[in-house]
Amino acid sequence: MTDLERPVRASAVERRILAAALRLFAERGFDGTSVQGIVEAAAVTKGALYHYFASKDDLLYEIYHSLIARQLADLDLVLAERLPPREAVRAVLTGLIRSTAEHIDEAKVFSREMHRLDHDRMRSVRADRRRYHVTFRGIVEQGQRDGVFARATPAETVTIVALGMVNQMPAWWRANGPKPAEVLADEVAGFVLAALDAAGAQPAAD
């Protein structure tokens, strides 16, 4: 069973441990958080923690995994709908921004502490991100082939700009800020689609 096939936060005890770890990592940082502190905050025994997680590193990775698993599942749902490229880009971007905003604490902790992961976990992280990147780029490329999107800017560049903005949300977006996630999602999707607008464009030649 792969990481993405595993249930995310399957049991109440796991969810409680992860919630405690997330809160403490956010407040104290990874180095400033002890296993004992997580145990006390989660109101579980140390044995219970180690039953589910081998180390703090496992907790940090699971915080990331729970976020990317949701986002990849959302991406798969969009793909399953077989939407035209324009609607697919809008659905992917608005869903990704809303998901990131909803789980902004997980995104903040991970962006700040991801360098703590070992080689194998980091490779898994990069593989997950690459899958998302390649899939979104494929949607843009399809729109360019169909003549729906302009081809002046390579799909790779469009993908780097669009997803890069979302990846930076932990640095600047605040749940209590002036811009609700739904509004931001619609604005960003509209901006990207306007940049891709191909009025008068022709499909790529075979």
N, C-alpha and C. Protein backbone atom coordinates (compact mmCIF):
# COMPACT_ATOMS: atom_id res chain seq x y z
N MET A 1 0.85 -1.20 0.00
CA MET A 1 0.00 0.00 0.00
C MET A 1 0.89 1.25 0.00
N THR A 2 0.66 2.16 -0.92
CA THR A 2 1.46 3.38 -1.00
C THR A 2 0.98 4.39 0.03
N ASP A 3 1.79 5.46 0.21
CA ASP A 3 1.44 6.50 1.18
C ASP A 3 0.07 7.09 0.88
N LEU A 4 -0.20 7.33 -0.42
CA LEU A 4 -1.46 7.99 -0.75
C LEU A 4 -2.65 7.05 -0.63
N GLU A 5 -2.40 5.74 -0.61
CA GLU A 5 -3.49 4.80 -0.44
C GLU A 5 -3.80 4.57 1.03
N ARG A 6 -2.88 4.92 1.92
CA ARG A 6 -3.12 4.71 3.34
C ARG A 6 -4.20 5.66 3.83
N PRO A 7 -5.06 5.22 4.76
CA PRO A 7 -6.02 6.14 5.36
C PRO A 7 -5.29 7.30 6.05
N VAL A 8 -5.79 8.50 5.89
CA VAL A 8 -5.18 9.66 6.53
C VAL A 8 -5.84 9.89 7.88
N ARG A 9 -5.03 9.91 8.93
CA ARG A 9 -5.56 10.14 10.28
C ARG A 9 -6.72 9.19 10.56
N ALA A 10 -6.44 7.91 10.43
CA ALA A 10 -7.50 6.91 10.43
C ALA A 10 -8.26 6.81 11.74
N SER A 11 -7.59 6.93 12.88
CA SER A 11 -8.25 6.74 14.16
C SER A 11 -8.30 8.04 14.95
N ALA A 12 -9.18 8.06 15.95
CA ALA A 12 -9.32 9.25 16.79
C ALA A 12 -8.02 9.54 17.54
N VAL A 13 -7.33 8.49 17.98
CA VAL A 13 -6.08 8.68 18.71
C VAL A 13 -5.02 9.30 17.79
N GLU A 14 -4.91 8.78 16.57
CA GLU A 14 -3.96 9.36 15.61
C GLU A 14 -4.27 10.83 15.37
N ARG A 15 -5.53 11.14 15.15
CA ARG A 15 -5.91 12.53 14.88
C ARG A 15 -5.58 13.43 16.06
N ARG A 16 -5.78 12.91 17.27
CA ARG A 16 -5.48 13.72 18.46
C ARG A 16 -3.98 13.97 18.59
N ILE A 17 -3.19 12.94 18.34
CA ILE A 17 -1.73 13.09 18.41
C ILE A 17 -1.25 14.07 17.35
N LEU A 18 -1.76 13.93 16.13
CA LEU A 18 -1.34 14.83 15.06
C LEU A 18 -1.77 16.27 15.31
N ALA A 19 -2.97 16.45 15.85
CA ALA A 19 -3.44 17.81 16.16
C ALA A 19 -2.55 18.45 17.22
N ALA A 20 -2.16 17.67 18.22
CA ALA A 20 -1.29 18.19 19.27
C ALA A 20 0.09 18.53 18.70
N ALA A 21 0.63 17.64 17.87
CA ALA A 21 1.93 17.89 17.26
C ALA A 21 1.90 19.13 16.39
N LEU A 22 0.84 19.27 15.60
CA LEU A 22 0.71 20.43 14.74
C LEU A 22 0.69 21.72 15.55
N ARG A 23 -0.10 21.73 16.60
CA ARG A 23 -0.21 22.92 17.43
C ARG A 23 1.14 23.28 18.07
N LEU A 24 1.84 22.28 18.59
CA LEU A 24 3.12 22.55 19.24
C LEU A 24 4.21 22.91 18.24
N PHE A 25 4.23 22.25 17.09
CA PHE A 25 5.21 22.62 16.06
C PHE A 25 5.00 24.07 15.63
N ALA A 26 3.73 24.47 15.52
CA ALA A 26 3.42 25.85 15.11
C ALA A 26 3.84 26.85 16.18
N GLU A 27 3.64 26.49 17.45
CA GLU A 27 3.93 27.41 18.55
C GLU A 27 5.41 27.43 18.92
N ARG A 28 6.05 26.25 18.94
CA ARG A 28 7.40 26.14 19.49
C ARG A 28 8.46 25.76 18.46
N GLY A 29 8.03 25.37 17.28
CA GLY A 29 8.97 24.87 16.30
C GLY A 29 9.25 23.40 16.52
N PHE A 30 9.84 22.77 15.51
CA PHE A 30 10.12 21.34 15.58
C PHE A 30 11.12 21.03 16.70
N ASP A 31 12.22 21.78 16.73
CA ASP A 31 13.25 21.53 17.75
C ASP A 31 12.76 21.83 19.15
N GLY A 32 11.86 22.80 19.27
CA GLY A 32 11.37 23.19 20.59
C GLY A 32 10.26 22.31 21.12
N THR A 33 9.86 21.32 20.36
CA THR A 33 8.77 20.42 20.76
C THR A 33 9.35 19.05 21.11
N SER A 34 9.02 18.56 22.28
CA SER A 34 9.49 17.24 22.70
C SER A 34 8.37 16.20 22.50
N VAL A 35 8.78 14.95 22.42
CA VAL A 35 7.80 13.87 22.35
C VAL A 35 6.93 13.89 23.59
N GLN A 36 7.53 14.14 24.74
CA GLN A 36 6.77 14.19 25.98
C GLN A 36 5.74 15.30 25.94
N GLY A 37 6.11 16.44 25.36
CA GLY A 37 5.16 17.54 25.24
C GLY A 37 3.98 17.18 24.38
N ILE A 38 4.23 16.45 23.29
CA ILE A 38 3.14 16.01 22.42
C ILE A 38 2.24 15.03 23.14
N VAL A 39 2.85 14.09 23.87
CA VAL A 39 2.09 13.11 24.63
C VAL A 39 1.15 13.79 25.62
N GLU A 40 1.68 14.76 26.34
CA GLU A 40 0.87 15.47 27.34
C GLU A 40 -0.23 16.29 26.67
N ALA A 41 0.09 16.96 25.58
CA ALA A 41 -0.91 17.78 24.89
C ALA A 41 -2.02 16.93 24.28
N ALA A 42 -1.68 15.73 23.84
CA ALA A 42 -2.66 14.84 23.22
C ALA A 42 -3.41 13.99 24.24
N ALA A 43 -2.93 14.02 25.50
CA ALA A 43 -3.54 13.21 26.56
C ALA A 43 -3.53 11.72 26.20
N VAL A 44 -2.36 11.26 25.75
CA VAL A 44 -2.17 9.84 25.45
C VAL A 44 -0.89 9.38 26.14
N THR A 45 -0.67 8.09 26.14
CA THR A 45 0.57 7.56 26.69
C THR A 45 1.66 7.62 25.62
N LYS A 46 2.90 7.58 26.07
CA LYS A 46 3.99 7.55 25.12
C LYS A 46 3.93 6.27 24.27
N GLY A 47 3.48 5.20 24.89
CA GLY A 47 3.32 3.95 24.15
C GLY A 47 2.32 4.08 23.02
N ALA A 48 1.24 4.81 23.28
CA ALA A 48 0.23 5.01 22.23
C ALA A 48 0.82 5.81 21.07
N LEU A 49 1.60 6.84 21.38
CA LEU A 49 2.22 7.63 20.32
C LEU A 49 3.13 6.76 19.47
N TYR A 50 3.98 5.99 20.14
CA TYR A 50 4.94 5.17 19.39
C TYR A 50 4.27 3.98 18.69
N HIS A 51 3.06 3.67 19.08
CA HIS A 51 2.31 2.63 18.35
C HIS A 51 2.00 3.09 16.92
N TYR A 52 1.73 4.39 16.77
CA TYR A 52 1.35 4.93 15.47
C TYR A 52 2.49 5.64 14.76
N PHE A 53 3.40 6.24 15.51
CA PHE A 53 4.46 7.06 14.92
C PHE A 53 5.80 6.72 15.56
N ALA A 54 6.79 6.46 14.72
CA ALA A 54 8.09 6.04 15.23
C ALA A 54 8.88 7.20 15.81
N SER A 55 8.57 8.43 15.40
CA SER A 55 9.39 9.57 15.81
C SER A 55 8.67 10.87 15.51
N LYS A 56 9.27 11.97 15.94
CA LYS A 56 8.75 13.29 15.57
C LYS A 56 8.80 13.48 14.06
N ASP A 57 9.81 12.91 13.42
CA ASP A 57 9.91 13.03 11.96
C ASP A 57 8.68 12.42 11.28
N ASP A 58 8.22 11.29 11.82
CA ASP A 58 7.01 10.66 11.27
C ASP A 58 5.81 11.59 11.40
N LEU A 59 5.72 12.28 12.53
CA LEU A 59 4.62 13.21 12.73
C LEU A 59 4.69 14.36 11.73
N LEU A 60 5.89 14.89 11.53
CA LEU A 60 6.06 15.98 10.58
C LEU A 60 5.68 15.53 9.18
N TYR A 61 6.12 14.34 8.80
CA TYR A 61 5.78 13.85 7.46
C TYR A 61 4.28 13.63 7.33
N GLU A 62 3.65 13.10 8.38
CA GLU A 62 2.22 12.84 8.30
C GLU A 62 1.41 14.13 8.19
N ILE A 63 1.90 15.21 8.79
CA ILE A 63 1.25 16.50 8.64
C ILE A 63 1.24 16.89 7.16
N TYR A 64 2.38 16.70 6.51
CA TYR A 64 2.44 16.96 5.07
C TYR A 64 1.56 16.00 4.29
N HIS A 65 1.66 14.72 4.63
CA HIS A 65 0.93 13.71 3.87
C HIS A 65 -0.57 13.95 3.92
N SER A 66 -1.08 14.34 5.07
CA SER A 66 -2.52 14.56 5.19
C SER A 66 -2.97 15.70 4.27
N LEU A 67 -2.11 16.70 4.09
CA LEU A 67 -2.45 17.83 3.23
C LEU A 67 -2.37 17.45 1.76
N ILE A 68 -1.26 16.84 1.34
CA ILE A 68 -1.10 16.52 -0.07
C ILE A 68 -2.07 15.42 -0.50
N ALA A 69 -2.40 14.51 0.41
CA ALA A 69 -3.34 13.45 0.06
C ALA A 69 -4.71 14.03 -0.29
N ARG A 70 -5.14 15.02 0.50
CA ARG A 70 -6.40 15.69 0.20
C ARG A 70 -6.33 16.38 -1.16
N GLN A 71 -5.24 17.09 -1.38
CA GLN A 71 -5.13 17.88 -2.59
C GLN A 71 -5.01 17.02 -3.84
N LEU A 72 -4.30 15.91 -3.74
CA LEU A 72 -4.22 15.00 -4.88
C LEU A 72 -5.56 14.31 -5.13
N ALA A 73 -6.28 14.01 -4.04
CA ALA A 73 -7.61 13.43 -4.21
C ALA A 73 -8.55 14.42 -4.90
N ASP A 74 -8.46 15.70 -4.51
CA ASP A 74 -9.27 16.73 -5.17
C ASP A 74 -8.89 16.84 -6.66
N LEU A 75 -7.60 16.78 -6.93
CA LEU A 75 -7.14 16.84 -8.32
C LEU A 75 -7.69 15.68 -9.13
N ASP A 76 -7.67 14.49 -8.56
CA ASP A 76 -8.19 13.32 -9.26
C ASP A 76 -9.69 13.45 -9.54
N LEU A 77 -10.42 14.07 -8.62
CA LEU A 77 -11.85 14.28 -8.84
C LEU A 77 -12.09 15.21 -10.02
N VAL A 78 -11.28 16.25 -10.13
CA VAL A 78 -11.40 17.16 -11.27
C VAL A 78 -11.11 16.42 -12.57
N LEU A 79 -10.04 15.64 -12.56
CA LEU A 79 -9.69 14.89 -13.77
C LEU A 79 -10.80 13.93 -14.17
N ALA A 80 -11.42 13.31 -13.17
CA ALA A 80 -12.48 12.34 -13.45
C ALA A 80 -13.70 12.99 -14.11
N GLU A 81 -13.88 14.29 -13.89
CA GLU A 81 -15.01 14.98 -14.51
C GLU A 81 -14.80 15.26 -15.99
N ARG A 82 -13.54 15.13 -16.44
CA ARG A 82 -13.20 15.36 -17.85
C ARG A 82 -13.70 16.72 -18.34
N LEU A 83 -13.42 17.73 -17.56
CA LEU A 83 -13.84 19.09 -17.90
C LEU A 83 -12.99 19.64 -19.04
N PRO A 84 -13.53 20.58 -19.79
CA PRO A 84 -12.71 21.30 -20.77
C PRO A 84 -11.56 22.00 -20.04
N PRO A 85 -10.45 22.29 -20.73
CA PRO A 85 -9.26 22.85 -20.07
C PRO A 85 -9.53 24.10 -19.22
N ARG A 86 -10.32 25.03 -19.75
CA ARG A 86 -10.57 26.27 -19.00
C ARG A 86 -11.27 25.97 -17.66
N GLU A 87 -12.31 25.14 -17.70
CA GLU A 87 -13.03 24.80 -16.47
C GLU A 87 -12.15 23.96 -15.55
N ALA A 88 -11.30 23.11 -16.12
CA ALA A 88 -10.42 22.29 -15.31
C ALA A 88 -9.39 23.13 -14.57
N VAL A 89 -8.79 24.10 -15.26
CA VAL A 89 -7.83 24.99 -14.61
C VAL A 89 -8.49 25.74 -13.47
N ARG A 90 -9.68 26.27 -13.71
CA ARG A 90 -10.39 26.99 -12.66
C ARG A 90 -10.69 26.07 -11.47
N ALA A 91 -11.16 24.87 -11.74
CA ALA A 91 -11.51 23.95 -10.65
C ALA A 91 -10.29 23.54 -9.85
N VAL A 92 -9.19 23.26 -10.53
CA VAL A 92 -7.96 22.86 -9.82
C VAL A 92 -7.45 23.99 -8.95
N LEU A 93 -7.34 25.18 -9.52
CA LEU A 93 -6.76 26.30 -8.76
C LEU A 93 -7.65 26.72 -7.59
N THR A 94 -8.95 26.82 -7.82
CA THR A 94 -9.81 27.25 -6.72
C THR A 94 -9.83 26.19 -5.63
N GLY A 95 -9.84 24.92 -6.00
CA GLY A 95 -9.82 23.85 -5.00
C GLY A 95 -8.53 23.83 -4.22
N LEU A 96 -7.41 24.03 -4.90
CA LEU A 96 -6.10 24.02 -4.24
C LEU A 96 -5.95 25.18 -3.28
N ILE A 97 -6.37 26.35 -3.68
CA ILE A 97 -6.26 27.53 -2.81
C ILE A 97 -7.15 27.39 -1.58
N ARG A 98 -8.37 26.93 -1.79
CA ARG A 98 -9.27 26.75 -0.65
C ARG A 98 -8.75 25.69 0.31
N SER A 99 -8.22 24.60 -0.23
CA SER A 99 -7.67 23.54 0.62
C SER A 99 -6.47 24.03 1.41
N THR A 100 -5.59 24.78 0.74
CA THR A 100 -4.41 25.31 1.43
C THR A 100 -4.83 26.27 2.53
N ALA A 101 -5.81 27.12 2.24
CA ALA A 101 -6.29 28.06 3.25
C ALA A 101 -6.93 27.34 4.43
N GLU A 102 -7.72 26.32 4.13
CA GLU A 102 -8.40 25.58 5.19
C GLU A 102 -7.42 24.88 6.11
N HIS A 103 -6.29 24.47 5.56
CA HIS A 103 -5.28 23.75 6.33
C HIS A 103 -3.98 24.55 6.38
N ILE A 104 -4.13 25.85 6.58
CA ILE A 104 -2.96 26.74 6.50
C ILE A 104 -1.93 26.43 7.59
N ASP A 105 -2.36 25.97 8.76
CA ASP A 105 -1.38 25.65 9.80
C ASP A 105 -0.49 24.49 9.38
N GLU A 106 -1.09 23.46 8.76
CA GLU A 106 -0.29 22.35 8.26
C GLU A 106 0.71 22.85 7.21
N ALA A 107 0.23 23.71 6.31
CA ALA A 107 1.09 24.25 5.27
C ALA A 107 2.22 25.09 5.85
N LYS A 108 1.92 25.88 6.88
CA LYS A 108 2.95 26.72 7.50
C LYS A 108 4.03 25.87 8.17
N VAL A 109 3.59 24.90 8.95
CA VAL A 109 4.55 24.05 9.65
C VAL A 109 5.42 23.31 8.65
N PHE A 110 4.79 22.77 7.63
CA PHE A 110 5.58 22.00 6.68
C PHE A 110 6.57 22.88 5.92
N SER A 111 6.14 24.05 5.48
CA SER A 111 7.04 24.91 4.71
C SER A 111 8.23 25.36 5.56
N ARG A 112 8.01 25.50 6.85
CA ARG A 112 9.07 25.94 7.75
C ARG A 112 10.00 24.81 8.17
N GLU A 113 9.45 23.61 8.28
CA GLU A 113 10.22 22.51 8.86
C GLU A 113 10.55 21.38 7.89
N MET A 114 10.19 21.50 6.62
CA MET A 114 10.35 20.39 5.70
C MET A 114 11.79 19.94 5.55
N HIS A 115 12.75 20.85 5.78
CA HIS A 115 14.16 20.48 5.65
C HIS A 115 14.59 19.45 6.70
N ARG A 116 13.72 19.21 7.70
CA ARG A 116 14.03 18.22 8.73
C ARG A 116 13.83 16.78 8.23
N LEU A 117 13.11 16.61 7.14
CA LEU A 117 12.81 15.27 6.67
C LEU A 117 14.05 14.57 6.14
N ASP A 118 14.08 13.24 6.32
CA ASP A 118 15.21 12.48 5.81
C ASP A 118 15.10 12.30 4.30
N HIS A 119 16.09 11.68 3.71
CA HIS A 119 16.17 11.58 2.26
C HIS A 119 14.96 10.88 1.66
N ASP A 120 14.56 9.76 2.23
CA ASP A 120 13.44 8.99 1.66
C ASP A 120 12.13 9.76 1.73
N ARG A 121 11.89 10.41 2.88
CA ARG A 121 10.65 11.18 3.00
C ARG A 121 10.67 12.39 2.07
N MET A 122 11.82 13.03 1.95
CA MET A 122 11.90 14.18 1.05
C MET A 122 11.69 13.75 -0.40
N ARG A 123 12.19 12.59 -0.76
CA ARG A 123 11.98 12.08 -2.10
C ARG A 123 10.49 11.84 -2.34
N SER A 124 9.79 11.33 -1.33
CA SER A 124 8.35 11.12 -1.44
C SER A 124 7.62 12.44 -1.60
N VAL A 125 8.03 13.44 -0.82
CA VAL A 125 7.45 14.77 -0.93
C VAL A 125 7.60 15.31 -2.35
N ARG A 126 8.80 15.20 -2.87
CA ARG A 126 9.06 15.73 -4.21
C ARG A 126 8.27 14.98 -5.27
N ALA A 127 8.10 13.68 -5.07
CA ALA A 127 7.33 12.89 -6.03
C ALA A 127 5.86 13.32 -6.03
N ASP A 128 5.30 13.56 -4.85
CA ASP A 128 3.92 14.02 -4.75
C ASP A 128 3.75 15.37 -5.43
N ARG A 129 4.67 16.28 -5.13
CA ARG A 129 4.59 17.61 -5.72
C ARG A 129 4.77 17.55 -7.23
N ARG A 130 5.66 16.68 -7.67
CA ARG A 130 5.90 16.55 -9.11
C ARG A 130 4.65 16.03 -9.81
N ARG A 131 3.97 15.08 -9.20
CA ARG A 131 2.75 14.55 -9.80
C ARG A 131 1.73 15.67 -9.98
N TYR A 132 1.56 16.50 -8.96
CA TYR A 132 0.60 17.59 -9.05
C TYR A 132 1.02 18.56 -10.17
N HIS A 133 2.30 18.90 -10.18
CA HIS A 133 2.85 19.83 -11.15
C HIS A 133 2.63 19.33 -12.59
N VAL A 134 3.01 18.08 -12.82
CA VAL A 134 2.90 17.52 -14.17
C VAL A 134 1.44 17.43 -14.62
N THR A 135 0.56 17.07 -13.70
CA THR A 135 -0.85 16.95 -14.06
C THR A 135 -1.44 18.31 -14.43
N PHE A 136 -1.15 19.33 -13.62
CA PHE A 136 -1.66 20.67 -13.93
C PHE A 136 -1.07 21.17 -15.25
N ARG A 137 0.21 20.95 -15.44
CA ARG A 137 0.85 21.37 -16.70
C ARG A 137 0.19 20.68 -17.89
N GLY A 138 -0.18 19.42 -17.72
CA GLY A 138 -0.84 18.70 -18.80
C GLY A 138 -2.17 19.31 -19.18
N ILE A 139 -2.90 19.83 -18.20
CA ILE A 139 -4.18 20.49 -18.49
C ILE A 139 -3.94 21.75 -19.33
N VAL A 140 -2.92 22.52 -18.93
CA VAL A 140 -2.59 23.74 -19.68
C VAL A 140 -2.14 23.38 -21.10
N GLU A 141 -1.31 22.36 -21.22
CA GLU A 141 -0.83 21.94 -22.54
C GLU A 141 -1.99 21.51 -23.43
N GLN A 142 -2.96 20.82 -22.86
CA GLN A 142 -4.11 20.39 -23.65
C GLN A 142 -4.88 21.60 -24.16
N GLY A 143 -5.06 22.60 -23.29
CA GLY A 143 -5.74 23.82 -23.71
C GLY A 143 -4.99 24.55 -24.82
N GLN A 144 -3.66 24.51 -24.75
CA GLN A 144 -2.86 25.15 -25.80
C GLN A 144 -2.96 24.36 -27.11
N ARG A 145 -2.97 23.05 -27.02
CA ARG A 145 -3.12 22.25 -28.24
C ARG A 145 -4.48 22.47 -28.89
N ASP A 146 -5.50 22.65 -28.05
CA ASP A 146 -6.86 22.84 -28.56
C ASP A 146 -7.12 24.25 -29.06
N GLY A 147 -6.17 25.16 -28.82
CA GLY A 147 -6.38 26.54 -29.23
C GLY A 147 -7.21 27.34 -28.24
N VAL A 148 -7.50 26.76 -27.08
CA VAL A 148 -8.26 27.46 -26.03
C VAL A 148 -7.36 28.44 -25.29
N PHE A 149 -6.10 28.04 -25.06
CA PHE A 149 -5.13 28.87 -24.36
C PHE A 149 -4.05 29.34 -25.34
N ALA A 150 -3.56 30.54 -25.13
CA ALA A 150 -2.45 31.06 -25.92
C ALA A 150 -1.20 30.22 -25.66
N ARG A 151 -0.35 30.14 -26.69
CA ARG A 151 0.88 29.37 -26.56
C ARG A 151 2.10 30.25 -26.38
N ALA A 152 1.89 31.55 -26.21
CA ALA A 152 3.04 32.46 -26.09
C ALA A 152 3.89 32.15 -24.87
N THR A 153 3.25 31.76 -23.78
CA THR A 153 3.97 31.39 -22.56
C THR A 153 3.95 29.88 -22.41
N PRO A 154 5.10 29.23 -22.26
CA PRO A 154 5.11 27.77 -22.12
C PRO A 154 4.27 27.30 -20.94
N ALA A 155 3.66 26.15 -21.09
CA ALA A 155 2.83 25.59 -20.02
C ALA A 155 3.64 25.39 -18.74
N GLU A 156 4.91 25.06 -18.88
CA GLU A 156 5.76 24.88 -17.70
C GLU A 156 5.86 26.18 -16.90
N THR A 157 6.03 27.29 -17.58
CA THR A 157 6.13 28.59 -16.89
C THR A 157 4.81 28.95 -16.23
N VAL A 158 3.71 28.72 -16.93
CA VAL A 158 2.39 28.98 -16.34
C VAL A 158 2.22 28.17 -15.06
N THR A 159 2.63 26.92 -15.09
CA THR A 159 2.49 26.04 -13.94
C THR A 159 3.35 26.50 -12.78
N ILE A 160 4.59 26.88 -13.05
CA ILE A 160 5.49 27.36 -12.00
C ILE A 160 4.90 28.59 -11.32
N VAL A 161 4.38 29.53 -12.12
CA VAL A 161 3.82 30.77 -11.56
C VAL A 161 2.56 30.48 -10.75
N ALA A 162 1.65 29.71 -11.32
CA ALA A 162 0.36 29.47 -10.65
C ALA A 162 0.53 28.67 -9.37
N LEU A 163 1.23 27.55 -9.44
CA LEU A 163 1.40 26.71 -8.24
C LEU A 163 2.39 27.34 -7.26
N GLY A 164 3.35 28.09 -7.79
CA GLY A 164 4.31 28.75 -6.90
C GLY A 164 3.63 29.77 -5.99
N MET A 165 2.64 30.47 -6.52
CA MET A 165 1.89 31.42 -5.69
C MET A 165 1.19 30.70 -4.54
N VAL A 166 0.58 29.57 -4.86
CA VAL A 166 -0.13 28.82 -3.83
C VAL A 166 0.86 28.31 -2.77
N ASN A 167 2.02 27.84 -3.22
CA ASN A 167 3.02 27.33 -2.28
C ASN A 167 3.52 28.40 -1.33
N GLN A 168 3.38 29.67 -1.73
CA GLN A 168 3.83 30.77 -0.88
C GLN A 168 2.75 31.26 0.08
N MET A 169 1.54 30.72 -0.02
CA MET A 169 0.46 31.18 0.85
C MET A 169 0.79 31.12 2.35
N PRO A 170 1.50 30.11 2.83
CA PRO A 170 1.82 30.08 4.27
C PRO A 170 2.59 31.31 4.75
N ALA A 171 3.27 31.99 3.84
CA ALA A 171 4.07 33.16 4.24
C ALA A 171 3.24 34.42 4.38
N TRP A 172 2.06 34.46 3.74
CA TRP A 172 1.34 35.74 3.75
C TRP A 172 -0.16 35.65 3.98
N TRP A 173 -0.79 34.51 3.73
CA TRP A 173 -2.24 34.45 3.88
C TRP A 173 -2.62 34.22 5.33
N ARG A 174 -3.63 34.93 5.81
CA ARG A 174 -4.11 34.78 7.18
C ARG A 174 -5.63 34.56 7.17
N ALA A 175 -6.06 33.61 7.97
CA ALA A 175 -7.49 33.28 8.02
C ALA A 175 -8.32 34.48 8.45
N ASN A 176 -7.76 35.34 9.29
CA ASN A 176 -8.49 36.52 9.76
C ASN A 176 -8.12 37.78 8.98
N GLY A 177 -7.50 37.59 7.83
CA GLY A 177 -7.11 38.74 7.01
C GLY A 177 -8.28 39.28 6.20
N PRO A 178 -8.02 40.28 5.39
CA PRO A 178 -9.09 40.96 4.65
C PRO A 178 -9.59 40.18 3.43
N LYS A 179 -8.86 39.16 3.03
CA LYS A 179 -9.21 38.45 1.80
C LYS A 179 -9.67 37.02 2.10
N PRO A 180 -10.99 36.75 2.07
CA PRO A 180 -11.45 35.37 2.28
C PRO A 180 -10.88 34.43 1.22
N ALA A 181 -10.69 33.19 1.60
CA ALA A 181 -10.09 32.22 0.68
C ALA A 181 -10.90 32.07 -0.60
N GLU A 182 -12.23 32.11 -0.49
CA GLU A 182 -13.06 31.94 -1.67
C GLU A 182 -12.84 33.07 -2.67
N VAL A 183 -12.69 34.29 -2.15
CA VAL A 183 -12.45 35.45 -3.02
C VAL A 183 -11.08 35.34 -3.66
N LEU A 184 -10.07 35.01 -2.85
CA LEU A 184 -8.72 34.85 -3.38
C LEU A 184 -8.69 33.78 -4.46
N ALA A 185 -9.35 32.65 -4.21
CA ALA A 185 -9.36 31.56 -5.17
C ALA A 185 -9.95 32.00 -6.51
N ASP A 186 -11.06 32.71 -6.46
CA ASP A 186 -11.69 33.18 -7.69
C ASP A 186 -10.82 34.20 -8.41
N GLU A 187 -10.17 35.08 -7.66
CA GLU A 187 -9.32 36.11 -8.27
C GLU A 187 -8.10 35.49 -8.94
N VAL A 188 -7.46 34.56 -8.26
CA VAL A 188 -6.26 33.93 -8.82
C VAL A 188 -6.61 33.13 -10.07
N ALA A 189 -7.68 32.34 -9.99
CA ALA A 189 -8.09 31.56 -11.16
C ALA A 189 -8.43 32.49 -12.32
N GLY A 190 -9.12 33.58 -12.03
CA GLY A 190 -9.45 34.54 -13.08
C GLY A 190 -8.22 35.17 -13.70
N PHE A 191 -7.23 35.49 -12.86
CA PHE A 191 -5.99 36.09 -13.34
C PHE A 191 -5.24 35.13 -14.26
N VAL A 192 -5.11 33.88 -13.84
CA VAL A 192 -4.39 32.89 -14.64
C VAL A 192 -5.12 32.65 -15.96
N LEU A 193 -6.44 32.53 -15.91
CA LEU A 193 -7.20 32.29 -17.13
C LEU A 193 -7.15 33.48 -18.08
N ALA A 194 -7.13 34.69 -17.52
CA ALA A 194 -7.02 35.88 -18.37
C ALA A 194 -5.66 35.90 -19.07
N ALA A 195 -4.62 35.49 -18.34
CA ALA A 195 -3.28 35.43 -18.94
C ALA A 195 -3.20 34.37 -20.03
N LEU A 196 -3.99 33.31 -19.88
CA LEU A 196 -4.00 32.23 -20.86
C LEU A 196 -4.96 32.47 -22.01
N ASP A 197 -5.72 33.55 -21.92
CA ASP A 197 -6.77 33.78 -22.91
C ASP A 197 -6.18 33.76 -24.33
N ALA A 198 -6.85 33.00 -25.17
CA ALA A 198 -6.34 32.82 -26.53
C ALA A 198 -7.38 33.22 -27.57
N ALA A 199 -7.96 34.38 -27.39
CA ALA A 199 -8.95 34.85 -28.37
C ALA A 199 -8.29 34.89 -29.76
N GLY A 200 -8.89 34.17 -30.66
CA GLY A 200 -8.35 34.14 -32.01
C GLY A 200 -7.22 33.15 -32.21
N ALA A 201 -6.83 32.41 -31.14
CA ALA A 201 -5.75 31.44 -31.30
C ALA A 201 -6.23 30.25 -32.10
N GLN A 202 -5.28 29.57 -32.70
CA GLN A 202 -5.59 28.39 -33.49
C GLN A 202 -5.01 27.15 -32.82
N PRO A 203 -5.68 26.00 -32.96
CA PRO A 203 -5.11 24.77 -32.43
C PRO A 203 -3.75 24.49 -33.03
N ALA A 204 -2.91 23.80 -32.28
CA ALA A 204 -1.61 23.44 -32.77
C ALA A 204 -1.73 22.49 -33.96
N ALA A 205 -0.86 22.65 -34.93
CA ALA A 205 -0.89 21.79 -36.11
C ALA A 205 -0.46 20.40 -35.74
N ASP A 206 -1.06 19.41 -36.40
CA ASP A 206 -0.67 18.02 -36.16
C ASP A 206 0.71 17.75 -36.73
